[in-house]
Amino acid sequence: MKRKTAMSHSDYLKAQDADSSWNHISHYGDHSARNFITFGGLLQNAGRKLTSFVDFGGNDGTSAFRFSVKYGIEPTVIDCDKARLDYAGDTYGLPTTQCLMNDIPLKDNSFDYGFCNHVVEHLYDPTRCMKEMNRVVRHAVYFVMPMETKKEFEDNSAHVIRAESFNEWKRLVESCGFLSSILIPIPGEAHVFARC
């Protein structure tokens, strides 16, 4: 893993401007929603009952809302930005929790499934954060992580870690206590289905 030096929480939020963020006004928000809906479809195709979900780093709730429209389930949105969570609650009526991923203020096994789209690359301590995700999810977390070139990584001030290969992301997930994982390599992204 390649790492950058840490920035303050306020500097991080400034680096997440509207154009680069995974929200309702960005094409990234649409991409995230498609990934979340795909996760639901994978679970249904495997015969799993869709029950409770959490969207880790869920931004303004766009992905969670589109998932809820498709499947009739309202995921809880977790993010560190109060303004984004206010949007998720006020606009979409979604339950929200404001926190940093390294200390999620929820009980063990609070949700059956978790979705984590383009969040891990923003975490200064991904191991601690992913262990927290594992703790609050009962069955599985679907991770989506970028496969960036060195230049893309250096140009994006909000990304703090970068994997050199698809398998490096998979190894990170497995090092965080997930029982097993399935890597789904997609051009530009590593999708990892991790069983808790």
Protein backbone atom coordinates (compact mmCIF):
# COMPACT_ATOMS: atom_id res chain seq x y z
CA MET A 1 0.00 0.00 0.00
CA LYS A 2 1.14 3.49 -0.83
CA ARG A 3 0.25 6.14 1.79
CA LYS A 4 0.15 9.93 2.10
CA THR A 5 0.57 11.97 5.25
CA ALA A 6 -2.52 12.72 7.32
CA MET A 7 -4.60 15.88 6.90
CA SER A 8 -7.03 17.38 9.39
CA HIS A 9 -10.72 16.49 9.32
CA SER A 10 -11.63 20.01 8.14
CA ASP A 11 -9.01 19.89 5.36
CA TYR A 12 -10.39 16.52 4.28
CA LEU A 13 -13.92 17.93 4.01
CA LYS A 14 -12.61 20.86 1.93
CA ALA A 15 -10.90 18.39 -0.43
CA GLN A 16 -14.27 16.74 -1.03
CA ASP A 17 -15.75 19.44 -3.22
CA ALA A 18 -19.05 18.96 -5.02
CA ASP A 19 -17.47 17.92 -8.32
CA SER A 20 -15.34 15.13 -6.87
CA SER A 21 -17.80 13.90 -4.29
CA TRP A 22 -20.11 10.87 -4.56
CA ASN A 23 -23.35 12.87 -4.19
CA HIS A 24 -26.60 13.65 -6.02
CA ILE A 25 -25.07 16.34 -8.27
CA SER A 26 -22.09 14.30 -9.42
CA HIS A 27 -21.87 11.45 -11.92
CA TYR A 28 -19.97 9.60 -9.18
CA GLY A 29 -23.18 9.46 -7.13
CA ASP A 30 -24.91 7.67 -9.98
CA HIS A 31 -22.01 5.21 -10.26
CA SER A 32 -22.15 4.50 -6.52
CA ALA A 33 -25.90 3.90 -6.66
CA ARG A 34 -25.45 1.37 -9.48
CA ASN A 35 -22.81 -0.44 -7.39
CA PHE A 36 -25.13 -0.56 -4.36
CA ILE A 37 -28.03 -1.87 -6.46
CA THR A 38 -25.69 -4.48 -7.98
CA PHE A 39 -24.78 -5.65 -4.46
CA GLY A 40 -28.47 -6.12 -3.67
CA GLY A 41 -28.90 -8.11 -6.87
CA LEU A 42 -25.94 -10.36 -6.03
CA LEU A 43 -27.49 -11.12 -2.65
CA GLN A 44 -30.92 -11.83 -4.16
CA ASN A 45 -29.41 -14.11 -6.81
CA ALA A 46 -27.67 -16.03 -4.00
CA GLY A 47 -31.03 -16.52 -2.29
CA ARG A 48 -30.30 -14.09 0.56
CA LYS A 49 -33.15 -12.20 2.17
CA LEU A 50 -32.54 -8.44 1.94
CA THR A 51 -32.97 -7.10 5.46
CA SER A 52 -30.95 -4.35 7.15
CA PHE A 53 -28.19 -2.38 5.40
CA VAL A 54 -25.67 0.34 6.20
CA ASP A 55 -23.94 2.61 3.68
CA PHE A 56 -20.48 3.40 5.07
CA GLY A 57 -19.29 6.82 3.88
CA GLY A 58 -22.69 7.25 2.28
CA ASN A 59 -22.26 10.96 1.56
CA ASP A 60 -25.66 12.67 1.04
CA GLY A 61 -27.63 9.41 0.85
CA THR A 62 -28.07 9.31 -2.93
CA SER A 63 -26.89 5.70 -3.29
CA ALA A 64 -28.83 4.52 -0.25
CA PHE A 65 -31.98 6.25 -1.50
CA ARG A 66 -31.77 4.66 -4.95
CA PHE A 67 -31.13 1.29 -3.30
CA SER A 68 -34.23 1.83 -1.12
CA VAL A 69 -36.37 2.65 -4.17
CA LYS A 70 -35.23 -0.56 -5.89
CA TYR A 71 -35.50 -2.94 -2.92
CA GLY A 72 -37.88 -1.26 -0.43
CA ILE A 73 -35.26 -1.15 2.36
CA GLU A 74 -33.95 2.05 3.93
CA PRO A 75 -30.22 1.73 4.62
CA THR A 76 -28.65 3.76 7.42
CA VAL A 77 -26.17 6.28 6.04
CA ILE A 78 -22.92 6.77 7.97
CA ASP A 79 -20.68 9.71 7.12
CA CYS A 80 -18.40 12.22 8.86
CA ASP A 81 -20.02 15.29 7.26
CA LYS A 82 -23.08 16.64 9.09
CA ALA A 83 -24.31 18.70 6.12
CA ARG A 84 -24.38 15.64 3.87
CA LEU A 85 -26.19 13.59 6.48
CA ASP A 86 -28.72 16.39 6.97
CA TYR A 87 -29.41 16.20 3.23
CA ALA A 88 -29.86 12.40 3.45
CA GLY A 89 -32.30 12.76 6.32
CA ASP A 90 -34.19 15.83 5.13
CA THR A 91 -34.39 14.98 1.41
CA TYR A 92 -34.61 11.20 1.43
CA GLY A 93 -35.88 10.50 4.96
CA LEU A 94 -33.02 8.07 5.61
CA PRO A 95 -31.67 7.19 9.05
CA THR A 96 -28.16 8.58 9.57
CA THR A 97 -25.20 8.34 11.93
CA GLN A 98 -22.43 10.95 12.00
CA CYS A 99 -19.03 9.57 12.97
CA LEU A 100 -15.56 8.72 11.80
CA MET A 101 -15.21 5.13 10.62
CA ASN A 102 -12.57 4.31 13.23
CA ASP A 103 -15.13 4.57 16.06
CA ILE A 104 -18.66 3.72 14.93
CA PRO A 105 -21.09 4.37 17.83
CA LEU A 106 -23.30 1.37 17.14
CA LYS A 107 -23.72 -2.07 18.71
CA ASP A 108 -22.11 -5.22 17.34
CA ASN A 109 -24.10 -6.80 14.48
CA SER A 110 -26.36 -3.76 14.11
CA PHE A 111 -26.89 -4.51 10.38
CA ASP A 112 -27.03 -7.61 8.23
CA TYR A 113 -25.12 -6.10 5.29
CA GLY A 114 -22.79 -3.18 4.63
CA PHE A 115 -21.88 -1.26 1.50
CA CYS A 116 -18.61 0.69 1.29
CA ASN A 117 -18.07 2.43 -2.06
CA HIS A 118 -14.83 4.37 -2.59
CA VAL A 119 -14.29 5.02 1.12
CA VAL A 120 -11.27 2.90 2.08
CA GLU A 121 -8.84 4.99 0.01
CA HIS A 122 -9.73 7.99 2.23
CA LEU A 123 -8.92 6.26 5.53
CA TYR A 124 -5.65 6.96 7.36
CA ASP A 125 -6.11 3.81 9.43
CA PRO A 126 -8.03 1.49 7.10
CA THR A 127 -7.40 -1.58 9.26
CA ARG A 128 -9.03 -0.06 12.35
CA CYS A 129 -11.92 1.35 10.32
CA MET A 130 -12.60 -1.88 8.46
CA LYS A 131 -12.51 -3.84 11.72
CA GLU A 132 -15.21 -1.46 12.98
CA MET A 133 -17.27 -2.12 9.85
CA ASN A 134 -16.84 -5.85 10.42
CA ARG A 135 -17.97 -5.41 14.03
CA VAL A 136 -21.27 -3.66 13.21
CA VAL A 137 -22.22 -5.92 10.25
CA ARG A 138 -23.50 -9.46 10.76
CA HIS A 139 -23.15 -11.14 7.33
CA ALA A 140 -21.11 -9.31 4.68
CA VAL A 141 -19.70 -6.00 3.45
CA TYR A 142 -19.37 -5.14 -0.24
CA PHE A 143 -16.28 -2.98 -0.76
CA VAL A 144 -15.59 -0.99 -3.93
CA MET A 145 -12.06 0.45 -4.14
CA PRO A 146 -10.24 2.28 -6.93
CA MET A 147 -7.39 0.99 -9.04
CA GLU A 148 -5.54 4.26 -9.58
CA THR A 149 -2.39 5.07 -11.44
CA LYS A 150 0.38 6.71 -9.46
CA LYS A 151 -0.46 10.07 -11.08
CA GLU A 152 -4.19 9.78 -10.34
CA PHE A 153 -3.36 9.03 -6.71
CA GLU A 154 -0.95 11.94 -6.40
CA ASP A 155 -3.42 14.34 -8.06
CA ASN A 156 -6.28 13.45 -5.69
CA SER A 157 -5.62 15.16 -2.37
CA ALA A 158 -8.46 13.30 -0.63
CA HIS A 159 -7.05 9.82 -1.37
CA VAL A 160 -4.52 8.72 1.23
CA ILE A 161 -3.87 5.06 0.38
CA ARG A 162 -3.46 3.26 -2.92
CA ALA A 163 -3.20 -0.43 -3.76
CA GLU A 164 -0.73 -1.63 -6.38
CA SER A 165 -2.93 -4.59 -7.38
CA PHE A 166 -6.44 -6.02 -7.07
CA ASN A 167 -5.12 -8.67 -4.69
CA GLU A 168 -3.59 -6.04 -2.42
CA TRP A 169 -7.08 -4.68 -1.72
CA LYS A 170 -8.34 -8.23 -1.12
CA ARG A 171 -5.48 -8.93 1.33
CA LEU A 172 -6.28 -5.70 3.21
CA VAL A 173 -9.91 -6.74 3.59
CA GLU A 174 -8.96 -10.21 4.80
CA SER A 175 -6.44 -8.78 7.29
CA CYS A 176 -9.31 -6.96 9.04
CA GLY A 177 -11.02 -10.08 10.36
CA PHE A 178 -13.39 -10.86 7.52
CA LEU A 179 -13.75 -14.64 7.23
CA SER A 180 -13.45 -14.82 3.48
CA SER A 181 -13.65 -12.58 0.48
CA ILE A 182 -14.35 -12.83 -3.20
CA LEU A 183 -12.53 -10.42 -5.48
CA ILE A 184 -14.43 -9.16 -8.52
CA PRO A 185 -11.91 -7.24 -10.67
CA ILE A 186 -13.61 -4.58 -12.77
CA PRO A 187 -11.65 -2.12 -14.95
CA GLY A 188 -10.64 0.74 -12.69
CA GLU A 189 -12.09 -0.79 -9.51
CA ALA A 190 -11.69 -3.71 -7.15
CA HIS A 191 -15.02 -5.04 -5.85
CA VAL A 192 -14.59 -7.26 -2.80
CA PHE A 193 -17.46 -9.22 -1.28
CA ALA A 194 -16.30 -9.87 2.29
CA ARG A 195 -18.09 -12.27 4.62
CA CYS A 196 -18.11 -11.34 8.32
